[in-house]
Protein backbone atom coordinates (compact mmCIF):
# COMPACT_ATOMS: atom_id res chain seq x y z
CA MET A 1 -0.08 -0.10 -0.12
CA ASP A 2 1.45 3.35 -0.91
CA GLY A 3 0.27 6.12 1.30
CA PRO A 4 1.35 8.09 4.07
CA GLU A 5 2.15 4.95 6.09
CA ALA A 6 4.95 4.25 3.73
CA LEU A 7 6.64 7.36 4.77
CA LEU A 8 5.77 7.01 8.72
CA GLU A 9 7.56 3.70 8.63
CA HIS A 10 10.62 5.71 8.34
CA VAL A 11 10.03 9.32 9.17
CA SER A 12 8.85 10.81 12.29
CA VAL A 13 6.34 13.63 11.45
CA SER A 14 3.50 15.29 12.96
CA ARG A 15 -0.32 14.69 12.09
CA GLU A 16 -0.27 18.14 10.71
CA THR A 17 2.68 17.57 8.26
CA ILE A 18 1.20 14.14 7.09
CA GLU A 19 -2.38 16.15 6.21
CA LYS A 20 -0.19 18.74 4.32
CA LEU A 21 1.67 16.17 2.60
CA GLU A 22 -1.86 14.32 1.67
CA THR A 23 -2.79 17.73 0.14
CA TYR A 24 0.25 17.40 -1.63
CA ALA A 25 -0.35 14.35 -3.06
CA ASP A 26 -3.70 15.02 -4.01
CA LEU A 27 -2.62 18.15 -6.01
CA LEU A 28 0.36 15.77 -7.78
CA SER A 29 -2.22 13.37 -9.17
CA ARG A 30 -4.75 15.96 -10.20
CA TRP A 31 -2.08 18.09 -11.95
CA GLN A 32 -0.42 14.77 -13.67
CA SER A 33 -3.49 14.15 -15.51
CA LYS A 34 -2.69 17.57 -17.17
CA ILE A 35 1.00 18.15 -17.25
CA ASN A 36 3.64 15.80 -16.92
CA LEU A 37 5.01 16.30 -13.57
CA ILE A 38 6.39 13.08 -12.34
CA SER A 39 7.22 9.98 -14.49
CA LYS A 40 3.61 7.70 -14.84
CA ASN A 41 4.54 4.58 -13.60
CA SER A 42 5.89 6.52 -10.48
CA LEU A 43 2.47 8.09 -9.86
CA GLN A 44 1.49 4.78 -8.17
CA GLN A 45 4.24 4.72 -5.51
CA ALA A 46 4.33 8.45 -5.08
CA TRP A 47 4.66 8.40 -1.50
CA HIS A 48 7.40 5.86 -1.62
CA ARG A 49 9.22 7.09 -4.67
CA HIS A 50 9.04 10.78 -4.18
CA PHE A 51 7.46 11.98 -0.78
CA LEU A 52 9.67 9.54 1.46
CA ASP A 53 12.72 9.59 -0.99
CA SER A 54 12.44 13.44 -0.16
CA ALA A 55 11.98 13.17 3.27
CA GLN A 56 14.61 10.91 4.21
CA ILE A 57 17.03 13.78 3.57
CA TYR A 58 15.63 15.73 6.43
CA SER A 59 17.45 13.69 8.77
CA MET A 60 20.70 14.54 6.88
CA SER A 61 20.40 18.08 7.07
CA PRO A 62 22.28 20.41 9.67
CA LYS A 63 19.68 21.31 12.24
CA LYS A 64 21.19 24.97 12.56
CA ALA A 65 20.81 25.54 8.66
CA THR A 66 18.87 28.56 7.67
CA SER A 67 18.55 28.63 4.22
CA ALA A 68 18.60 26.01 1.37
CA ILE A 69 18.09 25.92 -2.16
CA ASP A 70 16.90 23.05 -4.70
CA VAL A 71 18.08 23.41 -8.35
CA GLY A 72 15.65 21.95 -10.79
CA ALA A 73 12.95 21.59 -8.26
CA GLY A 74 10.41 19.92 -10.81
CA ALA A 75 7.51 19.13 -8.83
CA GLY A 76 8.90 20.15 -5.44
CA PHE A 77 11.19 17.07 -4.74
CA PRO A 78 12.88 17.28 -2.46
CA GLY A 79 12.74 21.03 -1.48
CA LEU A 80 8.92 21.51 -1.10
CA ILE A 81 9.00 18.35 0.66
CA LEU A 82 11.43 19.26 3.31
CA SER A 83 9.83 23.11 3.45
CA ILE A 84 6.67 21.41 4.68
CA MET A 85 8.36 19.14 7.18
CA GLY A 86 10.05 22.57 8.53
CA MET A 87 13.31 23.43 6.73
CA LYS A 88 13.60 26.99 6.65
CA ASN A 89 13.74 29.60 3.71
CA VAL A 90 13.74 27.15 0.96
CA GLN A 91 14.39 28.33 -2.36
CA LEU A 92 13.10 26.39 -5.41
CA VAL A 93 14.46 27.04 -8.59
CA GLU A 94 12.44 25.94 -11.87
CA GLN A 95 12.62 27.11 -15.37
CA ASN A 96 9.25 25.19 -16.22
CA LYS A 97 6.50 27.59 -16.00
CA LYS A 98 3.62 24.78 -15.86
CA LYS A 99 5.78 23.28 -12.88
CA CYS A 100 6.31 26.32 -11.21
CA ALA A 101 2.33 26.99 -11.53
CA PHE A 102 1.94 23.60 -9.63
CA LEU A 103 4.84 24.71 -7.04
CA TYR A 104 2.53 27.95 -6.40
CA GLU A 105 -0.62 25.93 -5.92
CA VAL A 106 1.06 23.44 -3.57
CA ILE A 107 2.64 26.10 -1.42
CA ARG A 108 -0.77 28.04 -1.52
CA GLU A 109 -2.48 25.10 -0.07
CA THR A 110 0.00 23.62 2.15
CA GLU A 111 0.87 27.21 3.49
CA ALA A 112 4.52 26.09 3.03
CA THR A 113 7.09 28.77 3.14
CA ALA A 114 9.17 27.96 0.23
CA THR A 115 9.91 30.34 -2.72
CA VAL A 116 9.53 29.46 -6.08
CA HIS A 117 12.10 31.30 -8.86
CA PRO A 118 10.90 30.54 -12.19
CA CYS A 119 14.43 30.74 -14.02
CA LYS A 120 17.58 29.07 -14.90
CA ILE A 121 20.14 28.72 -12.14
CA GLU A 122 22.44 30.72 -13.91
CA ASN A 123 19.73 33.86 -13.80
CA LEU A 124 19.55 33.36 -9.74
CA PRO A 125 21.61 36.14 -7.87
CA VAL A 126 24.83 34.67 -6.23
CA LYS A 127 24.87 33.93 -2.60
CA ASP A 128 25.90 31.21 0.19
CA TYR A 129 23.13 28.81 1.29
CA ASP A 130 23.53 26.34 4.15
CA ILE A 131 22.20 23.65 1.81
CA VAL A 132 22.20 23.20 -1.84
CA LEU A 133 20.02 20.22 -3.22
CA ALA A 134 19.41 18.82 -6.23
CA ARG A 135 17.34 15.46 -7.60
CA ALA A 136 17.62 14.03 -10.85
CA PHE A 137 18.91 17.44 -12.27
CA MET A 138 22.08 16.25 -14.17
CA PRO A 139 25.11 14.30 -13.52
CA LEU A 140 27.44 15.39 -10.60
CA ASP A 141 30.28 17.08 -12.60
CA GLY A 142 27.97 19.45 -14.38
CA LEU A 143 25.56 19.68 -11.23
CA LEU A 144 28.81 20.79 -9.29
CA LYS A 145 29.41 23.51 -11.88
CA ALA A 146 26.04 24.89 -11.67
CA VAL A 147 25.57 24.87 -8.07
CA SER A 148 29.21 25.91 -6.97
CA PRO A 149 28.41 29.73 -6.91
CA PHE A 150 25.53 28.94 -4.15
CA PHE A 151 28.70 27.09 -2.07
CA GLY A 152 29.96 28.95 0.84
CA LYS A 153 32.44 27.31 3.27
CA ASP A 154 30.06 25.43 5.30
CA THR A 155 27.59 24.90 2.78
CA LEU A 156 26.17 20.96 2.48
CA GLY A 157 25.29 19.72 -0.94
CA ILE A 158 22.41 16.71 -0.56
CA PHE A 159 22.50 15.20 -3.82
CA PRO A 160 20.24 11.91 -4.27
CA LYS A 161 21.90 9.61 -7.04
CA GLY A 162 21.27 6.33 -8.95
CA SER A 163 23.28 3.30 -9.82
CA LYS A 164 25.73 5.36 -11.72
CA VAL A 165 26.94 7.39 -8.62
CA ASN A 166 30.67 5.74 -8.53
CA GLN A 167 30.73 6.85 -12.51
CA GLU A 168 29.67 10.18 -11.98
CA LEU A 169 32.00 10.64 -8.81
CA THR A 170 35.17 9.49 -10.75
CA THR A 171 34.20 12.12 -13.90
CA ALA A 172 33.38 14.75 -11.01
CA SER A 173 36.70 14.36 -9.07
CA LYS A 174 38.78 15.28 -11.97
CA ASN A 175 37.48 18.74 -11.80
CA TRP A 176 36.58 19.14 -8.09
CA LYS A 177 38.20 18.92 -5.05
CA MET A 178 35.64 17.86 -1.96
CA THR A 179 34.59 15.97 0.71
CA THR A 180 31.99 13.35 0.26
CA VAL A 181 29.99 11.01 2.17
CA ILE A 182 27.81 8.23 0.41
CA LYS A 183 24.55 7.32 2.34
CA GLN A 184 21.95 4.45 1.41
CA SER A 185 18.64 5.51 -0.10
CA ILE A 186 16.13 3.86 2.17
CA THR A 187 13.62 3.65 -0.84
CA SER A 188 15.87 1.73 -3.33
CA PRO A 189 18.87 -0.61 -3.29
CA ASP A 190 20.21 1.57 -6.01
CA GLY A 191 19.75 4.79 -4.63
CA LYS A 192 22.62 6.63 -2.92
CA ILE A 193 22.67 10.04 -1.11
CA VAL A 194 26.17 11.98 -2.10
CA LEU A 195 26.62 14.86 0.74
CA VAL A 196 29.31 17.32 -0.78
CA LYS A 197 31.19 19.55 1.61
CA ASP A 198 34.36 21.83 1.12
CA LEU A 199 33.58 22.14 -2.74
CA VAL A 200 36.87 23.54 -4.75
CA SER A 201 36.95 23.87 -8.63
CA GLU A 202 40.51 22.24 -9.74
CA HIS A 203 40.37 25.06 -12.65
């Protein structure tokens, strides 16, 4: 059964948070029939594949973090889920206008505090964030190039990855010096979450 219990088995959240996530899930299935937000076959397991996959990141995030940016936010995973769970000052960057319309709707209905930026990442004003997020945006080497302007000395990058994670790390390590920790995803045996700190370009 795919529903809130898929998430509650692994993550402890309040009843109020679950209600907001249920509103989100309802909007997701309604909008998915009109615009392609997530892959069609993942809609049936949305709680496991998208909600839990995003929610597991919350416990990896520094508790004292006061700002986060989610690059290529898409349908709001993971950034909007994390905002609903209580992550502060989440900025959602998404250039697809239809997906932005969906994000605005979810924010309004759930009273989340996230902010939507309907633009490409390179058009966003550069500043340091405590947390940089990106899920299924692009391979790690290109991703680090896109997000490096938002890394300060204490920034933590949190990047869910799939089975090619080792290849991506090998390629990225030719161009970047960084400290990495790899965590196993709880939603898929192939899924890994790459934590990146101390990011410095080699060029």
